Amino acid sequence: MGDIPLRIYHNNRCSKSRAACQLIADRGFEVEVVDYLKTPPSRDELRALLDKLGMKPAELVRRGEAVFKENYAGRSLSDDEWLDALAAHPILIERPIVVRGERAVLGRPPEKVLELL
């Protein structure tokens, strides 16, 4: 499993995301960093990430963001509608997400990434 590449969906402004990157680097792993606000995952990529995480789209939504409060607070959306929202507003995607092969974890707390190393 040592040669399976790591990918992190990262926001450098997020302390949890930076901490997850540091944990990975401290253990000598190379990681592909995806700044998901600049290069957001497509709807299909989001679906694949959610499958690897074992999560539903609503569980990946950052509810403290202004976009959520203005557009989605108090609404009940289907999985497909949440996927559309996450694809349209990548700031809503909880971070960091670390992927290794067919597994992924949400790095909250950042130490969760150790499960993949």
PDB file of N, CA and C in Angstrom:
ATOM      1  N   MET A   1       0.825  -1.190   0.000  1.00  0.00           N
ATOM      2  CA  MET A   1       0.000   0.000   0.000  1.00  0.00           C
ATOM      3  C   MET A   1       0.868   1.253   0.000  1.00  0.00           C
ATOM      4  N   GLY A   2       2.160   1.099   0.196  1.00  0.00           N
ATOM      5  CA  GLY A   2       3.050   2.242   0.284  1.00  0.00           C
ATOM      6  C   GLY A   2       3.158   3.043  -1.000  1.00  0.00           C
ATOM      7  N   ASP A   3       2.870   2.417  -2.161  1.00  0.00           N
ATOM      8  CA  ASP A   3       3.035   3.145  -3.407  1.00  0.00           C
ATOM      9  C   ASP A   3       1.708   3.636  -3.976  1.00  0.00           C
ATOM     10  N   ILE A   4       0.639   3.529  -3.229  1.00  0.00           N
ATOM     11  CA  ILE A   4      -0.641   4.067  -3.677  1.00  0.00           C
ATOM     12  C   ILE A   4      -0.632   5.570  -3.404  1.00  0.00           C
ATOM     13  N   PRO A   5      -0.820   6.379  -4.453  1.00  0.00           N
ATOM     14  CA  PRO A   5      -0.714   7.820  -4.266  1.00  0.00           C
ATOM     15  C   PRO A   5      -1.828   8.399  -3.389  1.00  0.00           C
ATOM     16  N   LEU A   6      -1.476   9.488  -2.738  1.00  0.00           N
ATOM     17  CA  LEU A   6      -2.422  10.233  -1.913  1.00  0.00           C
ATOM     18  C   LEU A   6      -2.833  11.497  -2.655  1.00  0.00           C
ATOM     19  N   ARG A   7      -4.077  11.871  -2.486  1.00  0.00           N
ATOM     20  CA  ARG A   7      -4.584  13.135  -3.021  1.00  0.00           C
ATOM     21  C   ARG A   7      -5.353  13.817  -1.902  1.00  0.00           C
ATOM     22  N   ILE A   8      -5.150  15.121  -1.761  1.00  0.00           N
ATOM     23  CA  ILE A   8      -5.899  15.872  -0.761  1.00  0.00           C
ATOM     24  C   ILE A   8      -6.641  17.015  -1.447  1.00  0.00           C
ATOM     25  N   TYR A   9      -7.931  17.090  -1.168  1.00  0.00           N
ATOM     26  CA  TYR A   9      -8.739  18.218  -1.607  1.00  0.00           C
ATOM     27  C   TYR A   9      -8.612  19.250  -0.501  1.00  0.00           C
ATOM     28  N   HIS A  10      -7.934  20.350  -0.832  1.00  0.00           N
ATOM     29  CA  HIS A  10      -7.342  21.244   0.141  1.00  0.00           C
ATOM     30  C   HIS A  10      -7.770  22.689  -0.086  1.00  0.00           C
ATOM     31  N   ASN A  11      -7.906  23.409   1.032  1.00  0.00           N
ATOM     32  CA  ASN A  11      -8.089  24.856   1.001  1.00  0.00           C
ATOM     33  C   ASN A  11      -7.015  25.423   1.930  1.00  0.00           C
ATOM     34  N   ASN A  12      -6.063  26.139   1.377  1.00  0.00           N
ATOM     35  CA  ASN A  12      -4.937  26.625   2.162  1.00  0.00           C
ATOM     36  C   ASN A  12      -5.357  27.603   3.258  1.00  0.00           C
ATOM     37  N   ARG A  13      -6.536  28.188   3.150  1.00  0.00           N
ATOM     38  CA  ARG A  13      -7.008  29.124   4.173  1.00  0.00           C
ATOM     39  C   ARG A  13      -7.603  28.399   5.374  1.00  0.00           C
ATOM     40  N   CYS A  14      -7.737  27.090   5.270  1.00  0.00           N
ATOM     41  CA  CYS A  14      -8.360  26.295   6.340  1.00  0.00           C
ATOM     42  C   CYS A  14      -7.280  25.661   7.216  1.00  0.00           C
ATOM     43  N   SER A  15      -7.321  25.935   8.511  1.00  0.00           N
ATOM     44  CA  SER A  15      -6.308  25.391   9.427  1.00  0.00           C
ATOM     45  C   SER A  15      -6.358  23.870   9.482  1.00  0.00           C
ATOM     46  N   LYS A  16      -7.540  23.276   9.432  1.00  0.00           N
ATOM     47  CA  LYS A  16      -7.654  21.809   9.470  1.00  0.00           C
ATOM     48  C   LYS A  16      -7.021  21.195   8.225  1.00  0.00           C
ATOM     49  N   SER A  17      -7.238  21.850   7.092  1.00  0.00           N
ATOM     50  CA  SER A  17      -6.677  21.363   5.845  1.00  0.00           C
ATOM     51  C   SER A  17      -5.145  21.460   5.867  1.00  0.00           C
ATOM     52  N   ARG A  18      -4.612  22.576   6.349  1.00  0.00           N
ATOM     53  CA  ARG A  18      -3.158  22.728   6.457  1.00  0.00           C
ATOM     54  C   ARG A  18      -2.580  21.704   7.431  1.00  0.00           C
ATOM     55  N   ALA A  19      -3.273  21.458   8.534  1.00  0.00           N
ATOM     56  CA  ALA A  19      -2.801  20.483   9.521  1.00  0.00           C
ATOM     57  C   ALA A  19      -2.755  19.080   8.925  1.00  0.00           C
ATOM     58  N   ALA A  20      -3.746  18.727   8.118  1.00  0.00           N
ATOM     59  CA  ALA A  20      -3.759  17.408   7.477  1.00  0.00           C
ATOM     60  C   ALA A  20      -2.582  17.276   6.517  1.00  0.00           C
ATOM     61  N   CYS A  21      -2.306  18.318   5.741  1.00  0.00           N
ATOM     62  CA  CYS A  21      -1.142  18.300   4.839  1.00  0.00           C
ATOM     63  C   CYS A  21       0.139  18.102   5.629  1.00  0.00           C
ATOM     64  N   GLN A  22       0.249  18.774   6.756  1.00  0.00           N
ATOM     65  CA  GLN A  22       1.458  18.680   7.572  1.00  0.00           C
ATOM     66  C   GLN A  22       1.626  17.269   8.145  1.00  0.00           C
ATOM     67  N   LEU A  23       0.542  16.664   8.604  1.00  0.00           N
ATOM     68  CA  LEU A  23       0.610  15.293   9.126  1.00  0.00           C
ATOM     69  C   LEU A  23       1.120  14.331   8.060  1.00  0.00           C
ATOM     70  N   ILE A  24       0.625  14.506   6.843  1.00  0.00           N
ATOM     71  CA  ILE A  24       1.038  13.634   5.740  1.00  0.00           C
ATOM     72  C   ILE A  24       2.524  13.858   5.434  1.00  0.00           C
ATOM     73  N   ALA A  25       2.927  15.128   5.337  1.00  0.00           N
ATOM     74  CA  ALA A  25       4.328  15.450   5.029  1.00  0.00           C
ATOM     75  C   ALA A  25       5.257  14.963   6.126  1.00  0.00           C
ATOM     76  N   ASP A  26       4.842  15.105   7.387  1.00  0.00           N
ATOM     77  CA  ASP A  26       5.680  14.680   8.520  1.00  0.00           C
ATOM     78  C   ASP A  26       5.969  13.185   8.483  1.00  0.00           C
ATOM     79  N   ARG A  27       5.109  12.426   7.837  1.00  0.00           N
ATOM     80  CA  ARG A  27       5.301  10.978   7.747  1.00  0.00           C
ATOM     81  C   ARG A  27       5.986  10.577   6.445  1.00  0.00           C
ATOM     82  N   GLY A  28       6.422  11.557   5.684  1.00  0.00           N
ATOM     83  CA  GLY A  28       7.217  11.282   4.494  1.00  0.00           C
ATOM     84  C   GLY A  28       6.430  10.887   3.266  1.00  0.00           C
ATOM     85  N   PHE A  29       5.136  11.111   3.282  1.00  0.00           N
ATOM     86  CA  PHE A  29       4.317  10.762   2.128  1.00  0.00           C
ATOM     87  C   PHE A  29       4.240  11.938   1.171  1.00  0.00           C
ATOM     88  N   GLU A  30       4.297  11.623  -0.115  1.00  0.00           N
ATOM     89  CA  GLU A  30       4.025  12.643  -1.112  1.00  0.00           C
ATOM     90  C   GLU A  30       2.531  12.649  -1.361  1.00  0.00           C
ATOM     91  N   VAL A  31       2.028  13.837  -1.652  1.00  0.00           N
ATOM     92  CA  VAL A  31       0.596  13.963  -1.843  1.00  0.00           C
ATOM     93  C   VAL A  31       0.317  14.929  -2.981  1.00  0.00           C
ATOM     94  N   GLU A  32      -0.661  14.578  -3.794  1.00  0.00           N
ATOM     95  CA  GLU A  32      -1.139  15.488  -4.826  1.00  0.00           C
ATOM     96  C   GLU A  32      -2.133  16.431  -4.157  1.00  0.00           C
ATOM     97  N   VAL A  33      -1.851  17.714  -4.224  1.00  0.00           N
ATOM     98  CA  VAL A  33      -2.719  18.705  -3.596  1.00  0.00           C
ATOM     99  C   VAL A  33      -3.644  19.290  -4.649  1.00  0.00           C
ATOM    100  N   VAL A  34      -4.947  19.194  -4.383  1.00  0.00           N
ATOM    101  CA  VAL A  34      -5.951  19.761  -5.268  1.00  0.00           C
ATOM    102  C   VAL A  34      -6.591  20.938  -4.542  1.00  0.00           C
ATOM    103  N   ASP A  35      -6.350  22.137  -5.041  1.00  0.00           N
ATOM    104  CA  ASP A  35      -7.022  23.325  -4.500  1.00  0.00           C
ATOM    105  C   ASP A  35      -8.423  23.314  -5.091  1.00  0.00           C
ATOM    106  N   TYR A  36      -9.350  22.735  -4.353  1.00  0.00           N
ATOM    107  CA  TYR A  36     -10.662  22.453  -4.918  1.00  0.00           C
ATOM    108  C   TYR A  36     -11.501  23.712  -5.153  1.00  0.00           C
ATOM    109  N   LEU A  37     -11.080  24.854  -4.628  1.00  0.00           N
ATOM    110  CA  LEU A  37     -11.794  26.085  -4.950  1.00  0.00           C
ATOM    111  C   LEU A  37     -11.372  26.612  -6.323  1.00  0.00           C
ATOM    112  N   LYS A  38     -10.121  26.339  -6.718  1.00  0.00           N
ATOM    113  CA  LYS A  38      -9.643  26.758  -8.039  1.00  0.00           C
ATOM    114  C   LYS A  38      -9.980  25.732  -9.107  1.00  0.00           C
ATOM    115  N   THR A  39      -9.891  24.456  -8.750  1.00  0.00           N
ATOM    116  CA  THR A  39     -10.212  23.373  -9.685  1.00  0.00           C
ATOM    117  C   THR A  39     -11.209  22.439  -9.000  1.00  0.00           C
ATOM    118  N   PRO A  40     -12.474  22.857  -8.938  1.00  0.00           N
ATOM    119  CA  PRO A  40     -13.469  22.064  -8.206  1.00  0.00           C
ATOM    120  C   PRO A  40     -13.747  20.720  -8.861  1.00  0.00           C
ATOM    121  N   PRO A  41     -14.060  19.733  -8.025  1.00  0.00           N
ATOM    122  CA  PRO A  41     -14.431  18.428  -8.585  1.00  0.00           C
ATOM    123  C   PRO A  41     -15.765  18.534  -9.316  1.00  0.00           C
ATOM    124  N   SER A  42     -15.881  17.757 -10.378  1.00  0.00           N
ATOM    125  CA  SER A  42     -17.145  17.702 -11.119  1.00  0.00           C
ATOM    126  C   SER A  42     -18.187  16.959 -10.277  1.00  0.00           C
ATOM    127  N   ARG A  43     -19.398  17.007 -10.738  1.00  0.00           N
ATOM    128  CA  ARG A  43     -20.481  16.290 -10.055  1.00  0.00           C
ATOM    129  C   ARG A  43     -20.144  14.793  -9.971  1.00  0.00           C
ATOM    130  N   ASP A  44     -19.613  14.218 -11.060  1.00  0.00           N
ATOM    131  CA  ASP A  44     -19.247  12.796 -11.066  1.00  0.00           C
ATOM    132  C   ASP A  44     -18.094  12.524 -10.101  1.00  0.00           C
ATOM    133  N   GLU A  45     -17.114  13.431 -10.052  1.00  0.00           N
ATOM    134  CA  GLU A  45     -16.016  13.270  -9.107  1.00  0.00           C
ATOM    135  C   GLU A  45     -16.526  13.352  -7.671  1.00  0.00           C
ATOM    136  N   LEU A  46     -17.459  14.255  -7.424  1.00  0.00           N
ATOM    137  CA  LEU A  46     -18.049  14.356  -6.086  1.00  0.00           C
ATOM    138  C   LEU A  46     -18.750  13.061  -5.697  1.00  0.00           C
ATOM    139  N   ARG A  47     -19.498  12.488  -6.616  1.00  0.00           N
ATOM    140  CA  ARG A  47     -20.199  11.223  -6.369  1.00  0.00           C
ATOM    141  C   ARG A  47     -19.185  10.136  -6.015  1.00  0.00           C
ATOM    142  N   ALA A  48     -18.085  10.063  -6.776  1.00  0.00           N
ATOM    143  CA  ALA A  48     -17.054   9.052  -6.515  1.00  0.00           C
ATOM    144  C   ALA A  48     -16.406   9.285  -5.149  1.00  0.00           C
ATOM    145  N   LEU A  49     -16.138  10.552  -4.812  1.00  0.00           N
ATOM    146  CA  LEU A  49     -15.568  10.866  -3.500  1.00  0.00           C
ATOM    147  C   LEU A  49     -16.508  10.442  -2.381  1.00  0.00           C
ATOM    148  N   LEU A  50     -17.781  10.742  -2.538  1.00  0.00           N
ATOM    149  CA  LEU A  50     -18.765  10.385  -1.516  1.00  0.00           C
ATOM    150  C   LEU A  50     -18.848   8.875  -1.345  1.00  0.00           C
ATOM    151  N   ASP A  51     -18.765   8.137  -2.448  1.00  0.00           N
ATOM    152  CA  ASP A  51     -18.781   6.675  -2.366  1.00  0.00           C
ATOM    153  C   ASP A  51     -17.573   6.182  -1.567  1.00  0.00           C
ATOM    154  N   LYS A  52     -16.399   6.772  -1.816  1.00  0.00           N
ATOM    155  CA  LYS A  52     -15.182   6.363  -1.090  1.00  0.00           C
ATOM    156  C   LYS A  52     -15.257   6.758   0.380  1.00  0.00           C
ATOM    157  N   LEU A  53     -15.913   7.884   0.646  1.00  0.00           N
ATOM    158  CA  LEU A  53     -16.064   8.349   2.028  1.00  0.00           C
ATOM    159  C   LEU A  53     -17.155   7.584   2.774  1.00  0.00           C
ATOM    160  N   GLY A  54     -18.077   6.977   2.013  1.00  0.00           N
ATOM    161  CA  GLY A  54     -19.227   6.330   2.639  1.00  0.00           C
ATOM    162  C   GLY A  54     -20.188   7.351   3.230  1.00  0.00           C
ATOM    163  N   MET A  55     -20.311   8.487   2.553  1.00  0.00           N
ATOM    164  CA  MET A  55     -21.150   9.578   3.054  1.00  0.00           C
ATOM    165  C   MET A  55     -22.207   9.954   2.034  1.00  0.00           C
ATOM    166  N   LYS A  56     -23.248  10.602   2.529  1.00  0.00           N
ATOM    167  CA  LYS A  56     -24.273  11.189   1.667  1.00  0.00           C
ATOM    168  C   LYS A  56     -23.877  12.638   1.388  1.00  0.00           C
ATOM    169  N   PRO A  57     -24.328  13.200   0.259  1.00  0.00           N
ATOM    170  CA  PRO A  57     -23.949  14.571  -0.085  1.00  0.00           C
ATOM    171  C   PRO A  57     -24.230  15.586   1.027  1.00  0.00           C
ATOM    172  N   ALA A  58     -25.346  15.474   1.705  1.00  0.00           N
ATOM    173  CA  ALA A  58     -25.690  16.442   2.753  1.00  0.00           C
ATOM    174  C   ALA A  58     -24.676  16.431   3.894  1.00  0.00           C
ATOM    175  N   GLU A  59     -24.010  15.282   4.107  1.00  0.00           N
ATOM    176  CA  GLU A  59     -23.031  15.165   5.193  1.00  0.00           C
ATOM    177  C   GLU A  59     -21.726  15.895   4.877  1.00  0.00           C
ATOM    178  N   LEU A  60     -21.535  16.280   3.630  1.00  0.00           N
ATOM    179  CA  LEU A  60     -20.305  16.932   3.198  1.00  0.00           C
ATOM    180  C   LEU A  60     -20.457  18.451   3.106  1.00  0.00           C
ATOM    181  N   VAL A  61     -21.633  18.944   3.463  1.00  0.00           N
ATOM    182  CA  VAL A  61     -21.940  20.373   3.312  1.00  0.00           C
ATOM    183  C   VAL A  61     -21.458  21.170   4.523  1.00  0.00           C
ATOM    184  N   ARG A  62     -20.725  22.252   4.240  1.00  0.00           N
ATOM    185  CA  ARG A  62     -20.300  23.205   5.269  1.00  0.00           C
ATOM    186  C   ARG A  62     -21.465  24.161   5.519  1.00  0.00           C
ATOM    187  N   ARG A  63     -22.122  23.992   6.637  1.00  0.00           N
ATOM    188  CA  ARG A  63     -23.341  24.747   6.923  1.00  0.00           C
ATOM    189  C   ARG A  63     -23.082  26.145   7.479  1.00  0.00           C
ATOM    190  N   GLY A  64     -21.828  26.451   7.784  1.00  0.00           N
ATOM    191  CA  GLY A  64     -21.508  27.775   8.301  1.00  0.00           C
ATOM    192  C   GLY A  64     -21.211  28.797   7.214  1.00  0.00           C
ATOM    193  N   GLU A  65     -21.109  28.342   5.981  1.00  0.00           N
ATOM    194  CA  GLU A  65     -20.777  29.244   4.878  1.00  0.00           C
ATOM    195  C   GLU A  65     -21.958  30.143   4.527  1.00  0.00           C
ATOM    196  N   ALA A  66     -21.642  31.369   4.110  1.00  0.00           N
ATOM    197  CA  ALA A  66     -22.686  32.331   3.730  1.00  0.00           C
ATOM    198  C   ALA A  66     -23.558  31.779   2.606  1.00  0.00           C
ATOM    199  N   VAL A  67     -22.946  31.103   1.638  1.00  0.00           N
ATOM    200  CA  VAL A  67     -23.708  30.532   0.513  1.00  0.00           C
ATOM    201  C   VAL A  67     -24.767  29.565   1.035  1.00  0.00           C
ATOM    202  N   PHE A  68     -24.407  28.772   2.042  1.00  0.00           N
ATOM    203  CA  PHE A  68     -25.387  27.841   2.619  1.00  0.00           C
ATOM    204  C   PHE A  68     -26.517  28.627   3.283  1.00  0.00           C
ATOM    205  N   LYS A  69     -26.148  29.569   4.122  1.00  0.00           N
ATOM    206  CA  LYS A  69     -27.154  30.328   4.875  1.00  0.00           C
ATOM    207  C   LYS A  69     -28.096  31.082   3.950  1.00  0.00           C
ATOM    208  N   GLU A  70     -27.563  31.624   2.857  1.00  0.00           N
ATOM    209  CA  GLU A  70     -28.372  32.419   1.936  1.00  0.00           C
ATOM    210  C   GLU A  70     -29.241  31.563   1.019  1.00  0.00           C
ATOM    211  N   ASN A  71     -28.773  30.376   0.656  1.00  0.00           N
ATOM    212  CA  ASN A  71     -29.456  29.596  -0.378  1.00  0.00           C
ATOM    213  C   ASN A  71     -30.073  28.277   0.078  1.00  0.00           C
ATOM    214  N   TYR A  72     -29.548  27.695   1.162  1.00  0.00           N
ATOM    215  CA  TYR A  72     -29.950  26.321   1.477  1.00  0.00           C
ATOM    216  C   TYR A  72     -30.452  26.099   2.894  1.00  0.00           C
ATOM    217  N   ALA A  73     -30.209  27.034   3.794  1.00  0.00           N
ATOM    218  CA  ALA A  73     -30.609  26.849   5.195  1.00  0.00           C
ATOM    219  C   ALA A  73     -32.109  26.605   5.279  1.00  0.00           C
ATOM    220  N   GLY A  74     -32.470  25.596   6.064  1.00  0.00           N
ATOM    221  CA  GLY A  74     -33.882  25.291   6.266  1.00  0.00           C
ATOM    222  C   GLY A  74     -34.534  24.529   5.133  1.00  0.00           C
ATOM    223  N   ARG A  75     -33.776  24.224   4.096  1.00  0.00           N
ATOM    224  CA  ARG A  75     -34.338  23.485   2.956  1.00  0.00           C
ATOM    225  C   ARG A  75     -33.990  22.009   3.070  1.00  0.00           C
ATOM    226  N   SER A  76     -34.880  21.185   2.594  1.00  0.00           N
ATOM    227  CA  SER A  76     -34.645  19.749   2.551  1.00  0.00           C
ATOM    228  C   SER A  76     -34.369  19.372   1.100  1.00  0.00           C
ATOM    229  N   LEU A  77     -33.137  18.996   0.809  1.00  0.00           N
ATOM    230  CA  LEU A  77     -32.745  18.672  -0.560  1.00  0.00           C
ATOM    231  C   LEU A  77     -32.480  17.183  -0.706  1.00  0.00           C
ATOM    232  N   SER A  78     -32.701  16.689  -1.906  1.00  0.00           N
ATOM    233  CA  SER A  78     -32.384  15.293  -2.222  1.00  0.00           C
ATOM    234  C   SER A  78     -30.871  15.170  -2.415  1.00  0.00           C
ATOM    235  N   ASP A  79     -30.384  13.937  -2.469  1.00  0.00           N
ATOM    236  CA  ASP A  79     -28.959  13.715  -2.722  1.00  0.00           C
ATOM    237  C   ASP A  79     -28.530  14.393  -4.026  1.00  0.00           C
ATOM    238  N   ASP A  80     -29.344  14.255  -5.074  1.00  0.00           N
ATOM    239  CA  ASP A  80     -29.003  14.868  -6.368  1.00  0.00           C
ATOM    240  C   ASP A  80     -28.961  16.385  -6.253  1.00  0.00           C
ATOM    241  N   GLU A  81     -29.881  16.972  -5.527  1.00  0.00           N
ATOM    242  CA  GLU A  81     -29.893  18.425  -5.356  1.00  0.00           C
ATOM    243  C   GLU A  81     -28.669  18.897  -4.562  1.00  0.00           C
ATOM    244  N   TRP A  82     -28.278  18.133  -3.534  1.00  0.00           N
ATOM    245  CA  TRP A  82     -27.075  18.491  -2.787  1.00  0.00           C
ATOM    246  C   TRP A  82     -25.841  18.366  -3.669  1.00  0.00           C
ATOM    247  N   LEU A  83     -25.779  17.333  -4.508  1.00  0.00           N
ATOM    248  CA  LEU A  83     -24.655  17.193  -5.444  1.00  0.00           C
ATOM    249  C   LEU A  83     -24.573  18.406  -6.360  1.00  0.00           C
ATOM    250  N   ASP A  84     -25.724  18.842  -6.864  1.00  0.00           N
ATOM    251  CA  ASP A  84     -25.756  20.037  -7.710  1.00  0.00           C
ATOM    252  C   ASP A  84     -25.243  21.248  -6.938  1.00  0.00           C
ATOM    253  N   ALA A  85     -25.651  21.389  -5.684  1.00  0.00           N
ATOM    254  CA  ALA A  85     -25.230  22.523  -4.860  1.00  0.00           C
ATOM    255  C   ALA A  85     -23.729  22.489  -4.607  1.00  0.00           C
ATOM    256  N   LEU A  86     -23.187  21.326  -4.282  1.00  0.00           N
ATOM    257  CA  LEU A  86     -21.752  21.195  -4.030  1.00  0.00           C
ATOM    258  C   LEU A  86     -20.938  21.473  -5.296  1.00  0.00           C
ATOM    259  N   ALA A  87     -21.443  21.021  -6.438  1.00  0.00           N
ATOM    260  CA  ALA A  87     -20.748  21.266  -7.702  1.00  0.00           C
ATOM    261  C   ALA A  87     -20.805  22.750  -8.071  1.00  0.00           C
ATOM    262  N   ALA A  88     -21.932  23.378  -7.802  1.00  0.00           N
ATOM    263  CA  ALA A  88     -22.099  24.795  -8.148  1.00  0.00           C
ATOM    264  C   ALA A  88     -21.346  25.720  -7.196  1.00  0.00           C
ATOM    265  N   HIS A  89     -21.221  25.302  -5.935  1.00  0.00           N
ATOM    266  CA  HIS A  89     -20.603  26.134  -4.889  1.00  0.00           C
ATOM    267  C   HIS A  89     -19.566  25.305  -4.134  1.00  0.00           C
ATOM    268  N   PRO A  90     -18.374  25.113  -4.705  1.00  0.00           N
ATOM    269  CA  PRO A  90     -17.385  24.246  -4.047  1.00  0.00           C
ATOM    270  C   PRO A  90     -16.993  24.711  -2.642  1.00  0.00           C
ATOM    271  N   ILE A  91     -17.213  25.974  -2.298  1.00  0.00           N
ATOM    272  CA  ILE A  91     -16.919  26.449  -0.941  1.00  0.00           C
ATOM    273  C   ILE A  91     -17.738  25.660   0.087  1.00  0.00           C
ATOM    274  N   LEU A  92     -18.831  25.057  -0.356  1.00  0.00           N
ATOM    275  CA  LEU A  92     -19.681  24.271   0.546  1.00  0.00           C
ATOM    276  C   LEU A  92     -19.098  22.901   0.873  1.00  0.00           C
ATOM    277  N   ILE A  93     -18.071  22.464   0.150  1.00  0.00           N
ATOM    278  CA  ILE A  93     -17.503  21.134   0.372  1.00  0.00           C
ATOM    279  C   ILE A  93     -16.644  21.150   1.636  1.00  0.00           C
ATOM    280  N   GLU A  94     -16.984  20.266   2.566  1.00  0.00           N
ATOM    281  CA  GLU A  94     -16.198  20.137   3.798  1.00  0.00           C
ATOM    282  C   GLU A  94     -14.798  19.674   3.431  1.00  0.00           C
ATOM    283  N   ARG A  95     -13.827  20.110   4.203  1.00  0.00           N
ATOM    284  CA  ARG A  95     -12.432  19.833   3.905  1.00  0.00           C
ATOM    285  C   ARG A  95     -11.676  19.505   5.177  1.00  0.00           C
ATOM    286  N   PRO A  96     -10.524  18.930   5.021  1.00  0.00           N
ATOM    287  CA  PRO A  96      -9.926  18.367   3.809  1.00  0.00           C
ATOM    288  C   PRO A  96     -10.429  16.946   3.561  1.00  0.00           C
ATOM    289  N   ILE A  97     -10.426  16.553   2.311  1.00  0.00           N
ATOM    290  CA  ILE A  97     -10.731  15.170   1.937  1.00  0.00           C
ATOM    291  C   ILE A  97      -9.430  14.571   1.418  1.00  0.00           C
ATOM    292  N   VAL A  98      -9.039  13.436   1.993  1.00  0.00           N
ATOM    293  CA  VAL A  98      -7.826  12.750   1.560  1.00  0.00           C
ATOM    294  C   VAL A  98      -8.234  11.411   0.962  1.00  0.00           C
ATOM    295  N   VAL A  99      -7.690  11.133  -0.231  1.00  0.00           N
ATOM    296  CA  VAL A  99      -8.032   9.919  -0.972  1.00  0.00           C
ATOM    297  C   VAL A  99      -6.771   9.104  -1.177  1.00  0.00           C
ATOM    298  N   ARG A 100      -6.916   7.808  -0.975  1.00  0.00           N
ATOM    299  CA  ARG A 100      -5.842   6.859  -1.273  1.00  0.00           C
ATOM    300  C   ARG A 100      -6.484   5.615  -1.858  1.00  0.00           C
ATOM    301  N   GLY A 101      -6.290   5.421  -3.149  1.00  0.00           N
ATOM    302  CA  GLY A 101      -6.900   4.280  -3.823  1.00  0.00           C
ATOM    303  C   GLY A 101      -8.417   4.379  -3.773  1.00  0.00           C
ATOM    304  N   GLU A 102      -9.032   3.331  -3.259  1.00  0.00           N
ATOM    305  CA  GLU A 102     -10.494   3.285  -3.194  1.00  0.00           C
ATOM    306  C   GLU A 102     -11.045   3.748  -1.851  1.00  0.00           C
ATOM    307  N   ARG A 103     -10.164   4.329  -1.021  1.00  0.00           N
ATOM    308  CA  ARG A 103     -10.588   4.794   0.300  1.00  0.00           C
ATOM    309  C   ARG A 103     -10.396   6.296   0.409  1.00  0.00           C
ATOM    310  N   ALA A 104     -11.209   6.912   1.241  1.00  0.00           N
ATOM    311  CA  ALA A 104     -11.076   8.340   1.495  1.00  0.00           C
ATOM    312  C   ALA A 104     -11.534   8.621   2.918  1.00  0.00           C
ATOM    313  N   VAL A 105     -10.988   9.708   3.486  1.00  0.00           N
ATOM    314  CA  VAL A 105     -11.437  10.162   4.798  1.00  0.00           C
ATOM    315  C   VAL A 105     -11.592  11.671   4.753  1.00  0.00           C
ATOM    316  N   LEU A 106     -12.479  12.138   5.584  1.00  0.00           N
ATOM    317  CA  LEU A 106     -12.633  13.561   5.820  1.00  0.00           C
ATOM    318  C   LEU A 106     -11.745  13.887   7.011  1.00  0.00           C
ATOM    319  N   GLY A 107     -10.785  14.782   6.807  1.00  0.00           N
ATOM    320  CA  GLY A 107      -9.787  15.071   7.838  1.00  0.00           C
ATOM    321  C   GLY A 107     -10.285  16.008   8.917  1.00  0.00           C
ATOM    322  N   ARG A 108     -11.358  15.629   9.578  1.00  0.00           N
ATOM    323  CA  ARG A 108     -11.906  16.392  10.692  1.00  0.00           C
ATOM    324  C   ARG A 108     -12.147  15.427  11.820  1.00  0.00           C
ATOM    325  N   PRO A 109     -11.297  15.394  12.810  1.00  0.00           N
ATOM    326  CA  PRO A 109     -10.089  16.200  12.975  1.00  0.00           C
ATOM    327  C   PRO A 109      -9.000  15.736  12.005  1.00  0.00           C
ATOM    328  N   PRO A 110      -7.953  16.561  11.815  1.00  0.00           N
ATOM    329  CA  PRO A 110      -6.903  16.214  10.844  1.00  0.00           C
ATOM    330  C   PRO A 110      -6.290  14.841  11.068  1.00  0.00           C
ATOM    331  N   GLU A 111      -6.239  14.366  12.316  1.00  0.00           N
ATOM    332  CA  GLU A 111      -5.644  13.067  12.615  1.00  0.00           C
ATOM    333  C   GLU A 111      -6.371  11.910  11.918  1.00  0.00           C
ATOM    334  N   LYS A 112      -7.590  12.141  11.443  1.00  0.00           N
ATOM    335  CA  LYS A 112      -8.324  11.103  10.709  1.00  0.00           C
ATOM    336  C   LYS A 112      -7.538  10.645   9.472  1.00  0.00           C
ATOM    337  N   VAL A 113      -6.709  11.527   8.903  1.00  0.00           N
ATOM    338  CA  VAL A 113      -5.960  11.139   7.703  1.00  0.00           C
ATOM    339  C   VAL A 113      -4.987  10.009   7.992  1.00  0.00           C
ATOM    340  N   LEU A 114      -4.582   9.841   9.236  1.00  0.00           N
ATOM    341  CA  LEU A 114      -3.644   8.782   9.592  1.00  0.00           C
ATOM    342  C   LEU A 114      -4.207   7.398   9.281  1.00  0.00           C
ATOM    343  N   GLU A 115      -5.543   7.289   9.217  1.00  0.00           N
ATOM    344  CA  GLU A 115      -6.178   6.000   8.881  1.00  0.00           C
ATOM    345  C   GLU A 115      -5.774   5.515   7.494  1.00  0.00           C
ATOM    346  N   LEU A 116      -5.390   6.434   6.619  1.00  0.00           N
ATOM    347  CA  LEU A 116      -5.020   6.065   5.243  1.00  0.00           C
ATOM    348  C   LEU A 116      -3.527   5.831   5.072  1.00  0.00           C
ATOM    349  N   LEU A 117      -2.720   6.215   6.044  1.00  0.00           N
ATOM    350  CA  LEU A 117      -1.261   6.145   5.878  1.00  0.00           C
ATOM    351  C   LEU A 117      -0.711   4.794   6.301  1.00  0.00           C
TER     352      LEU A 117
END
